[in-house]
Amino acid sequence: MISGTREISETSFDVIVIGAGINGAGIARDAAMRGLSVLLLDKGDLGGATSSWSTRLIHGGLRYLEHGELRLVRESLRERETLLHIAPHLVKPLPMLIPIYAGNQRGPLTIRAGMIAYDLLSWKKTLPRHHMLSRSRVLHEAPALNPEGLRGAAVYFDAQVEFPERLVVENALSAERHGAAVVTHAKVEKLKVIDGVVEETECRDMLEGRSFSVRGRLVVNAAGPWVDQVLSTSEETSQHLIGGTKGSHLIVAPFAGAPETALYVEAESDGRPFFIIPWDGKYLIGTTDIRFAGDLDRLEITEVEIDYLLREANRVIPGANLISESILFTYSGVRPLPFTREEDAPSITRRHFIQSHPRFKNLISIVGGKLTIYRSLSEATVDLIFRKLGRNPPDCRTAEEALSGRVTADRRPDQRHIDQQLSPSTRERLLRIYGARSGSILTLIREDASLASVFDSETGAIAAEVVYAFKHELARTLADCLLRRTMVGLNSTMGIGADIAAAKIAQEYLGWSEDRARSEVESYRNYVERFRRGLEGLVS
């Protein structure tokens, strides 16, 4: 296993993948599984940007039917089924209710036609088919819905990935297990191009301040919204590939009339569908879809977006009475969509493109891509990599080989010896977040019973998870640990308070100095400030 920037600098890789979001991690996994030597780089953490800022759905793209994107819908539905098979601990069926109101742009006949098409395009699915509800039946099942103008509803199934961050982590760990090198917090500062070939990729370790260079026969630019920024480091192109749109979400505590089933609703003000979804003991409301050309590294929700989402949610559920003080935190991301001069953001295609560059013989850029279809995008990309390397691509196995956390009858962690040390809720939590990988966390507890202590009362997270994040899951910072490994950073306070407890665990078990613990907490709070800016109750 290649590790350390010195050894990495002395190695020539078949493929360097820039960007460790879901697409980059998926490409690295597939390429490594097919025998290529792979280096996966990211200027931040695994899944630390766009992959974390989605609506957390694995869906077929019902709305894409409106724009005639039938191939994309069919591919998405097929991949949804695949993910339900290879990662059932992370991807779970989610019923959706679409209330239909008088005056909606999409009436009962349109919705019914869309539902039938959705079912036909996923005829091999294991999820139930749609069904329509009368007005009275809707109000019986969701009595808090606004009854004024309600004509009926449709119910169908998609899937939810509660923590897409974990999906990225497991793909990266699988890539590493198959021989890939993974380096996070390493920013690409320059693509050194000679005679149309990227000869070296110059990087900087953002935590330690060291510079290093790496070489690869082929470079895949999977930096999401930052694709153009990576290309600009070559000093030989000003190509504009990305024209993303911004999507923002609100996270609120359970509220009066909160639905048991996810709602997929047409907004009154602009006709755009949005979601109200039960998530992690809270509710997720989103998303917006607006043009964005600002600082990708400092995304924040605007007051206009907050007002829009609160107003539309309160219209659908009048008794909710949600106000800005109801918001626990927010998050925003930019969809890495293809550049277009069209003004209508929702009409921009959601299809992805695997872009070869005329000026660069060994560079590929990934433009677009959805969380749902990362695996098939990765397969197509790796097929192209092999062709560019002058080799026939071996068969892809990522649709059959499960991620390591999948729990089956013969892969269920043995908890018999620690049942008295962990509460039922903590045991359930470990399975929900880590799946079969929780067995390795239980091993740490068997070796040191004190690691069973809970450090966050809201989530029931235990000390062993902090140790495991740094020793076995590539975490390098406290933010990595809380936001993308243990998921404690997505509790109702975004981990404020638990951050100090986690840093103390790192001091005791990982050898952190007091100065490092203090610095990590300070850095963590500076980072999450943007998600809580302007909200009441911010804990300092």
Protein backbone atom coordinates (compact mmCIF):
# COMPACT_ATOMS: atom_id res chain seq x y z
CA MET A 1 0.00 0.00 0.00
CA ILE A 2 1.42 3.37 -1.05
CA SER A 3 1.30 5.97 1.71
CA GLY A 4 3.02 9.27 2.47
CA THR A 5 3.67 12.08 0.01
CA ARG A 6 7.34 11.09 -0.45
CA GLU A 7 6.46 7.59 -1.62
CA ILE A 8 3.62 8.98 -3.72
CA SER A 9 5.99 11.45 -5.39
CA GLU A 10 8.30 8.58 -6.31
CA THR A 11 5.50 6.55 -7.91
CA SER A 12 4.14 6.86 -11.44
CA PHE A 13 0.42 6.08 -11.43
CA ASP A 14 -1.79 4.89 -14.23
CA VAL A 15 -4.46 7.37 -13.14
CA ILE A 16 -4.55 10.47 -10.96
CA VAL A 17 -8.09 11.39 -9.93
CA ILE A 18 -8.52 14.99 -8.78
CA GLY A 19 -11.56 15.40 -6.57
CA ALA A 20 -12.73 12.94 -3.92
CA GLY A 21 -16.44 13.58 -4.06
CA ILE A 22 -18.77 10.77 -5.02
CA ASN A 23 -17.68 10.76 -8.68
CA GLY A 24 -13.95 10.86 -7.94
CA ALA A 25 -14.19 8.22 -5.23
CA GLY A 26 -16.33 6.03 -7.48
CA ILE A 27 -13.88 6.36 -10.37
CA ALA A 28 -10.94 5.56 -8.09
CA ARG A 29 -12.71 2.49 -6.74
CA ASP A 30 -13.62 1.13 -10.17
CA ALA A 31 -10.17 1.81 -11.64
CA ALA A 32 -8.40 0.16 -8.70
CA MET A 33 -10.72 -2.85 -8.80
CA ARG A 34 -9.82 -3.31 -12.48
CA GLY A 35 -6.11 -3.38 -11.71
CA LEU A 36 -4.96 0.17 -12.44
CA SER A 37 -2.61 2.01 -10.09
CA VAL A 38 -4.60 4.97 -8.80
CA LEU A 39 -4.03 8.15 -6.81
CA LEU A 40 -7.09 9.97 -5.45
CA LEU A 41 -6.55 13.60 -4.42
CA ASP A 42 -8.76 16.26 -2.86
CA LYS A 43 -8.04 19.75 -1.55
CA GLY A 44 -10.47 19.03 1.27
CA ASP A 45 -11.89 15.84 2.73
CA LEU A 46 -13.66 12.87 1.18
CA GLY A 47 -17.15 14.00 0.20
CA GLY A 48 -16.51 17.34 1.89
CA ALA A 49 -18.23 19.57 -0.64
CA THR A 50 -20.94 19.02 -3.27
CA SER A 51 -21.60 15.39 -2.30
CA SER A 52 -22.49 16.57 1.21
CA TRP A 53 -24.77 19.36 0.04
CA SER A 54 -27.40 17.45 -1.92
CA THR A 55 -31.01 16.67 -0.97
CA ARG A 56 -29.71 13.25 0.13
CA LEU A 57 -31.83 11.31 -2.32
CA ILE A 58 -31.09 8.40 -4.61
CA HIS A 59 -33.78 9.08 -7.16
CA GLY A 60 -34.76 8.42 -10.73
CA GLY A 61 -35.26 12.07 -11.60
CA LEU A 62 -39.03 12.20 -11.90
CA ARG A 63 -38.84 15.86 -12.88
CA TYR A 64 -36.40 15.12 -15.71
CA LEU A 65 -39.30 13.54 -17.58
CA GLU A 66 -40.61 17.06 -18.17
CA HIS A 67 -37.49 17.89 -20.14
CA GLY A 68 -37.51 14.67 -22.15
CA GLU A 69 -34.44 13.23 -20.39
CA LEU A 70 -35.70 9.66 -20.74
CA ARG A 71 -32.26 8.05 -20.97
CA LEU A 72 -31.16 9.86 -17.81
CA VAL A 73 -34.28 8.76 -15.95
CA ARG A 74 -33.85 5.15 -17.09
CA GLU A 75 -30.18 5.15 -16.06
CA SER A 76 -31.01 6.74 -12.70
CA LEU A 77 -33.70 4.20 -11.93
CA ARG A 78 -31.38 1.33 -12.83
CA GLU A 79 -28.63 2.76 -10.62
CA ARG A 80 -31.05 3.35 -7.78
CA GLU A 81 -31.76 -0.37 -7.83
CA THR A 82 -28.04 -1.17 -7.90
CA LEU A 83 -27.32 1.01 -4.88
CA LEU A 84 -30.17 -0.54 -2.93
CA HIS A 85 -28.33 -3.83 -3.54
CA ILE A 86 -24.68 -2.89 -2.92
CA ALA A 87 -25.22 -0.40 -0.08
CA PRO A 88 -28.52 -1.21 1.68
CA HIS A 89 -27.12 0.01 5.00
CA LEU A 90 -26.83 3.52 3.52
CA VAL A 91 -29.47 3.63 0.77
CA LYS A 92 -33.03 2.88 1.85
CA PRO A 93 -36.48 3.03 0.21
CA LEU A 94 -38.33 6.31 0.75
CA PRO A 95 -42.06 6.79 0.08
CA MET A 96 -42.94 10.15 -1.49
CA LEU A 97 -46.29 11.89 -1.47
CA ILE A 98 -47.06 14.45 -4.21
CA PRO A 99 -50.08 16.57 -3.22
CA ILE A 100 -51.94 18.02 -6.21
CA TYR A 101 -53.59 21.42 -5.84
CA ALA A 102 -55.94 23.40 -8.06
CA GLY A 103 -53.86 25.85 -10.06
CA ASN A 104 -50.72 23.69 -10.08
CA GLN A 105 -48.81 23.62 -13.34
CA ARG A 106 -48.93 19.83 -13.08
CA GLY A 107 -52.49 18.57 -12.72
CA PRO A 108 -53.74 15.06 -11.87
CA LEU A 109 -53.51 13.80 -15.46
CA THR A 110 -49.93 15.08 -15.84
CA ILE A 111 -48.86 13.60 -12.52
CA ARG A 112 -50.53 10.26 -13.31
CA ALA A 113 -48.84 10.14 -16.72
CA GLY A 114 -45.49 10.86 -15.11
CA MET A 115 -46.05 8.14 -12.52
CA ILE A 116 -46.90 5.56 -15.19
CA ALA A 117 -43.82 6.52 -17.22
CA TYR A 118 -41.68 6.33 -14.08
CA ASP A 119 -42.94 2.80 -13.36
CA LEU A 120 -42.47 1.67 -16.96
CA LEU A 121 -38.89 2.97 -17.10
CA SER A 122 -38.06 0.98 -13.95
CA TRP A 123 -39.96 -2.21 -14.73
CA LYS A 124 -37.36 -4.42 -13.00
CA LYS A 125 -37.46 -2.47 -9.75
CA THR A 126 -38.02 -4.01 -6.33
CA LEU A 127 -39.77 -0.92 -4.94
CA PRO A 128 -43.58 -0.73 -4.99
CA ARG A 129 -45.42 0.88 -7.90
CA HIS A 130 -47.16 4.23 -7.56
CA HIS A 131 -50.77 4.69 -6.54
CA MET A 132 -53.12 7.67 -6.61
CA LEU A 133 -55.04 9.00 -3.60
CA SER A 134 -58.35 10.82 -3.46
CA ARG A 135 -58.61 14.13 -1.61
CA SER A 136 -60.24 12.51 1.40
CA ARG A 137 -57.64 9.75 1.51
CA VAL A 138 -54.80 12.29 1.35
CA LEU A 139 -56.19 14.25 4.29
CA HIS A 140 -56.65 11.01 6.23
CA GLU A 141 -53.01 10.03 5.71
CA ALA A 142 -51.56 13.56 5.98
CA PRO A 143 -54.12 15.59 7.95
CA ALA A 144 -51.81 18.58 8.40
CA LEU A 145 -51.67 19.31 4.66
CA ASN A 146 -53.34 22.50 3.49
CA PRO A 147 -56.84 21.36 2.40
CA GLU A 148 -57.59 24.48 0.34
CA GLY A 149 -57.62 23.54 -3.32
CA LEU A 150 -56.33 20.03 -2.65
CA ARG A 151 -57.46 17.67 -5.43
CA GLY A 152 -55.64 14.45 -4.52
CA ALA A 153 -52.13 13.05 -4.47
CA ALA A 154 -49.76 10.47 -5.87
CA VAL A 155 -47.59 8.16 -3.79
CA TYR A 156 -44.45 6.60 -5.23
CA PHE A 157 -41.09 5.30 -4.00
CA ASP A 158 -37.56 6.57 -4.45
CA ALA A 159 -34.66 6.11 -2.04
CA GLN A 160 -32.79 8.15 0.54
CA VAL A 161 -29.10 8.14 1.37
CA GLU A 162 -29.23 9.64 4.81
CA PHE A 163 -25.48 10.23 4.85
CA PRO A 164 -23.98 10.51 1.35
CA GLU A 165 -20.75 11.41 3.10
CA ARG A 166 -20.51 7.79 4.24
CA LEU A 167 -21.18 6.57 0.70
CA VAL A 168 -18.17 8.56 -0.49
CA VAL A 169 -16.00 7.32 2.39
CA GLU A 170 -16.83 3.68 1.69
CA ASN A 171 -16.02 4.08 -2.01
CA ALA A 172 -12.67 5.67 -1.16
CA LEU A 173 -11.87 2.97 1.40
CA SER A 174 -12.73 0.31 -1.17
CA ALA A 175 -10.39 2.00 -3.65
CA GLU A 176 -7.64 1.99 -1.02
CA ARG A 177 -8.29 -1.66 -0.18
CA HIS A 178 -7.76 -2.47 -3.86
CA GLY A 179 -4.42 -0.67 -3.90
CA ALA A 180 -5.22 3.00 -4.54
CA ALA A 181 -3.45 5.79 -2.69
CA VAL A 182 -5.78 8.38 -1.15
CA VAL A 183 -4.52 11.82 -0.14
CA THR A 184 -6.92 14.39 1.29
CA HIS A 185 -6.34 18.06 2.08
CA ALA A 186 -3.96 18.20 -0.89
CA LYS A 187 -4.71 21.05 -3.29
CA VAL A 188 -3.69 20.86 -6.94
CA GLU A 189 -1.76 24.06 -7.59
CA LYS A 190 -0.51 23.38 -11.11
CA LEU A 191 -0.92 20.98 -13.98
CA LYS A 192 2.50 20.97 -15.60
CA VAL A 193 1.90 20.48 -19.33
CA ILE A 194 4.61 19.67 -21.87
CA ASP A 195 3.73 19.13 -25.55
CA GLY A 196 0.06 18.62 -24.74
CA VAL A 197 0.68 16.08 -21.97
CA VAL A 198 0.15 16.64 -18.25
CA GLU A 199 3.57 15.49 -17.09
CA GLU A 200 3.24 16.40 -13.41
CA THR A 201 0.55 17.49 -11.00
CA GLU A 202 1.94 19.88 -8.41
CA CYS A 203 0.14 19.81 -5.05
CA ARG A 204 0.28 21.34 -1.61
CA ASP A 205 -0.62 19.59 1.63
CA MET A 206 -3.01 22.16 3.11
CA LEU A 207 -2.55 20.93 6.67
CA GLU A 208 1.22 20.58 6.79
CA GLY A 209 2.16 23.20 4.19
CA ARG A 210 4.40 20.84 2.19
CA SER A 211 4.50 20.86 -1.60
CA PHE A 212 4.87 17.67 -3.63
CA SER A 213 4.50 16.56 -7.23
CA VAL A 214 2.89 13.43 -8.63
CA ARG A 215 2.98 11.78 -12.04
CA GLY A 216 0.32 9.80 -13.83
CA ARG A 217 -0.21 8.48 -17.33
CA LEU A 218 -3.72 9.89 -17.27
CA VAL A 219 -5.41 12.59 -15.18
CA VAL A 220 -9.13 12.68 -14.40
CA ASN A 221 -10.47 16.06 -13.33
CA ALA A 222 -13.46 15.16 -11.14
CA ALA A 223 -13.42 18.36 -9.09
CA GLY A 224 -17.13 19.06 -9.50
CA PRO A 225 -17.86 22.82 -9.48
CA TRP A 226 -14.09 23.39 -9.29
CA VAL A 227 -13.39 21.66 -12.65
CA ASP A 228 -12.65 24.97 -14.38
CA GLN A 229 -10.37 26.07 -11.54
CA VAL A 230 -8.30 22.90 -11.89
CA LEU A 231 -8.04 23.41 -15.65
CA SER A 232 -6.92 27.01 -15.14
CA THR A 233 -3.84 25.81 -13.26
CA SER A 234 -2.44 24.47 -16.53
CA GLU A 235 -1.99 28.05 -17.83
CA GLU A 236 -2.93 26.70 -21.26
CA THR A 237 -6.72 26.81 -21.23
CA SER A 238 -9.54 29.12 -20.30
CA GLN A 239 -12.19 26.58 -21.24
CA HIS A 240 -15.51 27.15 -19.50
CA LEU A 241 -17.12 23.80 -18.78
CA ILE A 242 -19.12 24.40 -15.59
CA GLY A 243 -22.19 26.61 -15.26
CA GLY A 244 -23.61 25.36 -12.01
CA THR A 245 -26.66 26.39 -10.07
CA LYS A 246 -26.92 26.83 -6.34
CA GLY A 247 -29.20 24.71 -4.18
CA SER A 248 -29.86 25.48 -0.51
CA HIS A 249 -31.56 23.51 2.25
CA LEU A 250 -32.99 24.19 5.70
CA ILE A 251 -32.74 21.72 8.57
CA VAL A 252 -35.43 22.05 11.23
CA ALA A 253 -36.57 20.06 14.25
CA PRO A 254 -39.85 18.12 14.08
CA PHE A 255 -42.69 20.65 13.93
CA ALA A 256 -46.47 20.78 14.25
CA GLY A 257 -47.94 18.78 11.40
CA ALA A 258 -44.59 17.39 10.30
CA PRO A 259 -45.30 14.62 7.78
CA GLU A 260 -44.38 11.00 8.36
CA THR A 261 -43.92 10.61 4.61
CA ALA A 262 -41.63 12.75 2.46
CA LEU A 263 -43.48 15.44 0.53
CA TYR A 264 -42.67 16.43 -3.04
CA VAL A 265 -44.55 19.67 -3.63
CA GLU A 266 -44.91 22.24 -6.38
CA ALA A 267 -43.98 25.70 -5.11
CA GLU A 268 -46.72 28.28 -5.58
CA SER A 269 -44.38 31.18 -6.35
CA ASP A 270 -42.41 29.67 -9.25
CA GLY A 271 -43.85 26.22 -9.96
CA ARG A 272 -40.59 24.52 -9.02
CA PRO A 273 -40.90 21.26 -7.03
CA PHE A 274 -39.31 21.16 -3.57
CA PHE A 275 -39.10 18.60 -0.77
CA ILE A 276 -40.02 18.31 2.90
CA ILE A 277 -38.27 15.13 4.03
CA PRO A 278 -37.89 13.33 7.38
CA TRP A 279 -34.14 13.05 7.90
CA ASP A 280 -31.96 11.94 10.82
CA GLY A 281 -34.63 12.73 13.41
CA LYS A 282 -35.09 16.17 11.87
CA TYR A 283 -36.60 17.57 8.67
CA LEU A 284 -34.88 18.69 5.50
CA ILE A 285 -36.57 21.39 3.40
CA GLY A 286 -35.21 22.22 -0.04
CA THR A 287 -33.99 22.93 -2.53
CA THR A 288 -33.54 26.18 -4.40
CA ASP A 289 -32.14 26.35 -7.93
CA ILE A 290 -30.51 29.64 -8.88
CA ARG A 291 -27.60 30.70 -11.03
CA PHE A 292 -24.34 31.07 -9.10
CA ALA A 293 -21.04 32.69 -10.02
CA GLY A 294 -19.59 33.51 -6.58
CA ASP A 295 -16.99 32.00 -4.26
CA LEU A 296 -17.32 28.22 -4.35
CA ASP A 297 -15.36 27.90 -1.11
CA ARG A 298 -17.70 30.11 0.91
CA LEU A 299 -21.24 29.11 0.04
CA GLU A 300 -24.00 30.40 2.29
CA ILE A 301 -27.77 30.52 2.05
CA THR A 302 -29.31 33.93 1.39
CA GLU A 303 -32.25 35.56 3.17
CA VAL A 304 -34.20 35.33 -0.09
CA GLU A 305 -33.73 31.55 -0.16
CA ILE A 306 -34.67 31.19 3.51
CA ASP A 307 -37.85 33.23 2.98
CA TYR A 308 -38.75 31.20 -0.10
CA LEU A 309 -38.38 27.82 1.60
CA LEU A 310 -40.14 28.86 4.83
CA ARG A 311 -43.01 30.50 2.95
CA GLU A 312 -43.61 27.49 0.71
CA ALA A 313 -43.33 24.98 3.57
CA ASN A 314 -45.80 26.97 5.69
CA ARG A 315 -48.22 27.19 2.77
CA VAL A 316 -48.26 23.40 2.38
CA ILE A 317 -48.46 22.75 6.14
CA PRO A 318 -50.21 25.83 7.61
CA GLY A 319 -49.88 24.64 11.19
CA ALA A 320 -46.10 24.39 10.96
CA ASN A 321 -45.59 28.11 11.63
CA LEU A 322 -41.91 27.80 10.77
CA ILE A 323 -39.84 30.94 11.26
CA SER A 324 -36.13 31.70 10.97
CA GLU A 325 -35.67 30.75 14.64
CA SER A 326 -36.99 27.28 13.77
CA ILE A 327 -33.93 26.58 11.63
CA LEU A 328 -31.22 24.46 13.24
CA PHE A 329 -28.77 24.96 10.39
CA THR A 330 -28.62 25.36 6.63
CA TYR A 331 -26.36 24.20 3.86
CA SER A 332 -25.79 25.18 0.24
CA GLY A 333 -24.01 23.63 -2.70
CA VAL A 334 -23.44 24.21 -6.39
CA ARG A 335 -24.50 21.60 -8.91
CA PRO A 336 -21.60 21.04 -11.34
CA LEU A 337 -23.83 21.39 -14.40
CA PRO A 338 -22.61 21.98 -17.96
CA PHE A 339 -22.03 25.61 -18.91
CA THR A 340 -24.87 27.16 -20.89
CA ARG A 341 -25.97 30.70 -21.60
CA GLU A 342 -29.60 29.84 -20.90
CA GLU A 343 -31.08 31.95 -18.13
CA ASP A 344 -33.58 29.38 -16.87
CA ALA A 345 -31.58 27.43 -14.28
CA PRO A 346 -33.99 24.47 -13.90
CA SER A 347 -33.89 23.82 -17.65
CA ILE A 348 -30.13 23.17 -17.73
CA THR A 349 -29.57 19.51 -18.56
CA ARG A 350 -28.77 17.18 -15.67
CA ARG A 351 -26.92 14.81 -18.01
CA HIS A 352 -23.20 14.36 -17.45
CA PHE A 353 -20.35 14.56 -19.92
CA ILE A 354 -16.97 12.79 -19.84
CA GLN A 355 -14.94 15.47 -21.55
CA SER A 356 -11.68 14.78 -23.37
CA HIS A 357 -9.60 17.88 -24.11
CA PRO A 358 -8.18 18.61 -27.58
CA ARG A 359 -5.16 20.39 -26.04
CA PHE A 360 -4.38 17.66 -23.53
CA LYS A 361 -3.75 14.10 -24.65
CA ASN A 362 -4.04 12.58 -21.20
CA LEU A 363 -6.67 14.68 -19.40
CA ILE A 364 -10.36 13.93 -18.88
CA SER A 365 -12.86 16.21 -17.10
CA ILE A 366 -16.14 15.10 -15.56
CA VAL A 367 -18.90 17.65 -16.18
CA GLY A 368 -22.16 17.18 -14.32
CA GLY A 369 -23.21 13.93 -12.70
CA LYS A 370 -25.71 13.06 -9.99
CA LEU A 371 -25.25 11.27 -6.72
CA THR A 372 -27.59 8.54 -7.98
CA ILE A 373 -25.60 7.63 -11.10
CA TYR A 374 -22.05 7.98 -9.79
CA ARG A 375 -21.39 4.26 -10.27
CA SER A 376 -22.39 4.10 -13.94
CA LEU A 377 -20.56 7.38 -14.62
CA SER A 378 -17.48 5.84 -13.01
CA GLU A 379 -17.80 2.70 -15.12
CA ALA A 380 -17.97 4.71 -18.36
CA THR A 381 -15.02 6.86 -17.27
CA VAL A 382 -12.82 3.86 -16.44
CA ASP A 383 -13.74 2.22 -19.75
CA LEU A 384 -12.49 5.40 -21.47
CA ILE A 385 -9.32 5.44 -19.33
CA PHE A 386 -8.43 1.95 -20.52
CA ARG A 387 -8.99 2.91 -24.14
CA LYS A 388 -6.80 5.99 -23.74
CA LEU A 389 -4.13 3.77 -22.21
CA GLY A 390 -4.34 1.53 -25.26
CA ARG A 391 -5.87 -1.42 -23.40
CA ASN A 392 -9.16 -3.28 -23.57
CA PRO A 393 -11.19 -2.55 -20.43
CA PRO A 394 -11.75 -5.56 -18.16
CA ASP A 395 -15.27 -6.16 -16.91
CA CYS A 396 -16.54 -3.71 -14.28
CA ARG A 397 -17.53 -5.37 -10.99
CA THR A 398 -18.86 -2.40 -9.02
CA ALA A 399 -22.52 -3.26 -9.67
CA GLU A 400 -22.07 -6.69 -8.09
CA GLU A 401 -19.41 -6.24 -5.40
CA ALA A 402 -21.02 -4.65 -2.38
CA LEU A 403 -19.49 -1.86 -0.38
CA SER A 404 -17.87 -3.09 2.80
CA GLY A 405 -20.60 -1.86 5.11
CA ARG A 406 -23.40 -3.92 3.58
CA VAL A 407 -25.04 -6.02 6.27
CA THR A 408 -26.16 -9.53 5.31
CA ALA A 409 -27.09 -12.61 7.30
CA ASP A 410 -23.45 -13.73 7.34
CA ARG A 411 -21.96 -10.23 7.73
CA ARG A 412 -23.66 -8.93 10.86
CA PRO A 413 -21.35 -7.59 13.59
CA ASP A 414 -21.16 -9.79 16.69
CA GLN A 415 -22.38 -7.66 19.61
CA ARG A 416 -22.88 -10.44 22.13
CA HIS A 417 -19.92 -9.53 24.31
CA ILE A 418 -20.68 -5.81 24.59
CA ASP A 419 -24.46 -5.64 24.77
CA GLN A 420 -24.32 -4.44 28.36
CA GLN A 421 -21.92 -1.63 27.50
CA LEU A 422 -23.92 -0.11 24.61
CA SER A 423 -27.51 1.09 24.69
CA PRO A 424 -29.94 -0.25 22.07
CA SER A 425 -30.00 3.18 20.41
CA THR A 426 -26.20 3.25 20.13
CA ARG A 427 -26.12 -0.27 18.69
CA GLU A 428 -28.76 0.75 16.15
CA ARG A 429 -26.79 3.90 15.37
CA LEU A 430 -23.60 1.97 14.64
CA LEU A 431 -25.42 -0.28 12.16
CA ARG A 432 -27.16 2.69 10.53
CA ILE A 433 -23.94 4.62 9.93
CA TYR A 434 -21.25 1.96 9.56
CA GLY A 435 -23.22 -1.16 8.69
CA ALA A 436 -21.00 -4.24 8.83
CA ARG A 437 -17.99 -1.98 9.40
CA SER A 438 -19.28 -1.38 12.92
CA GLY A 439 -17.75 -4.76 13.77
CA SER A 440 -14.33 -3.09 13.67
CA ILE A 441 -15.55 -0.44 16.10
CA LEU A 442 -16.79 -3.18 18.42
CA THR A 443 -13.32 -4.74 18.26
CA LEU A 444 -11.84 -1.49 19.60
CA ILE A 445 -14.28 -1.64 22.52
CA ARG A 446 -13.35 -5.23 23.30
CA GLU A 447 -9.72 -4.12 23.49
CA ASP A 448 -10.52 -1.06 25.65
CA ALA A 449 -13.93 -0.93 27.34
CA SER A 450 -13.58 2.81 28.07
CA LEU A 451 -14.08 3.47 24.36
CA ALA A 452 -17.74 2.55 24.81
CA SER A 453 -18.36 5.87 26.58
CA VAL A 454 -20.83 8.22 24.87
CA PHE A 455 -19.40 11.62 23.92
CA ASP A 456 -22.56 13.08 22.35
CA SER A 457 -25.82 12.44 24.17
CA GLU A 458 -28.04 13.49 21.26
CA THR A 459 -26.71 10.93 18.79
CA GLY A 460 -25.32 8.35 21.20
CA ALA A 461 -21.92 8.47 19.46
CA ILE A 462 -19.14 6.74 21.36
CA ALA A 463 -15.43 7.38 21.83
CA ALA A 464 -14.42 4.37 19.71
CA GLU A 465 -15.88 6.11 16.65
CA VAL A 466 -13.44 8.99 16.99
CA VAL A 467 -10.48 6.64 17.23
CA TYR A 468 -11.80 4.59 14.32
CA ALA A 469 -12.26 7.67 12.11
CA PHE A 470 -8.60 8.64 12.37
CA LYS A 471 -7.04 5.20 12.44
CA HIS A 472 -9.14 3.42 9.84
CA GLU A 473 -11.23 5.89 7.83
CA LEU A 474 -8.72 8.48 6.57
CA ALA A 475 -9.89 11.37 8.78
CA ARG A 476 -7.22 14.04 9.25
CA THR A 477 -9.12 16.82 11.02
CA LEU A 478 -11.83 17.13 13.65
CA ALA A 479 -14.21 18.34 10.93
CA ASP A 480 -13.49 15.18 8.92
CA CYS A 481 -14.34 13.10 11.96
CA LEU A 482 -17.52 14.90 13.01
CA LEU A 483 -19.04 15.84 9.65
CA ARG A 484 -18.11 12.91 7.42
CA ARG A 485 -17.28 9.90 9.61
CA THR A 486 -19.25 9.87 12.88
CA MET A 487 -21.91 12.28 11.48
CA VAL A 488 -22.16 13.92 14.92
CA GLY A 489 -21.60 17.28 13.21
CA LEU A 490 -25.08 17.00 11.70
CA ASN A 491 -26.87 16.85 15.05
CA SER A 492 -29.17 19.72 16.07
CA THR A 493 -26.23 21.93 17.16
CA MET A 494 -23.87 20.88 14.34
CA GLY A 495 -21.67 19.18 16.89
CA ILE A 496 -21.02 22.25 19.04
CA GLY A 497 -20.14 20.87 22.47
CA ALA A 498 -19.48 17.39 21.12
CA ASP A 499 -16.48 18.87 19.28
CA ILE A 500 -14.72 19.56 22.58
CA ALA A 501 -15.50 16.05 23.84
CA ALA A 502 -14.19 14.50 20.60
CA ALA A 503 -10.98 16.54 20.79
CA LYS A 504 -10.43 15.29 24.35
CA ILE A 505 -10.85 11.71 23.13
CA ALA A 506 -8.22 12.41 20.47
CA GLN A 507 -5.90 13.76 23.16
CA GLU A 508 -6.32 10.64 25.28
CA TYR A 509 -6.25 7.96 22.58
CA LEU A 510 -4.53 9.52 19.56
CA GLY A 511 -1.81 11.58 21.21
CA TRP A 512 -3.07 15.04 20.31
CA SER A 513 -1.47 17.87 22.25
CA GLU A 514 -3.60 20.37 24.11
CA ASP A 515 -2.66 23.00 21.53
CA ARG A 516 -3.79 20.79 18.66
CA ALA A 517 -7.06 19.95 20.39
CA ARG A 518 -7.77 23.65 20.94
CA SER A 519 -6.81 24.52 17.38
CA GLU A 520 -8.96 21.75 15.89
CA VAL A 521 -12.02 22.90 17.83
CA GLU A 522 -11.43 26.49 16.76
CA SER A 523 -11.04 25.47 13.11
CA TYR A 524 -14.14 23.30 13.30
CA ARG A 525 -16.29 26.11 14.70
CA ASN A 526 -15.00 28.57 12.12
CA TYR A 527 -15.98 26.09 9.42
CA VAL A 528 -19.53 25.36 10.61
CA GLU A 529 -20.24 29.02 11.34
CA ARG A 530 -21.44 29.53 7.74
CA PHE A 531 -24.17 26.92 8.20
CA ARG A 532 -25.50 28.66 11.31
CA ARG A 533 -24.78 32.29 10.43
CA GLY A 534 -27.60 34.63 11.38
CA LEU A 535 -29.58 31.92 13.20
CA GLU A 536 -30.70 32.29 16.80
CA GLY A 537 -29.03 30.19 19.45
CA LEU A 538 -25.54 29.95 17.96
CA VAL A 539 -23.30 28.53 20.66
CA SER A 540 -19.85 30.11 20.80
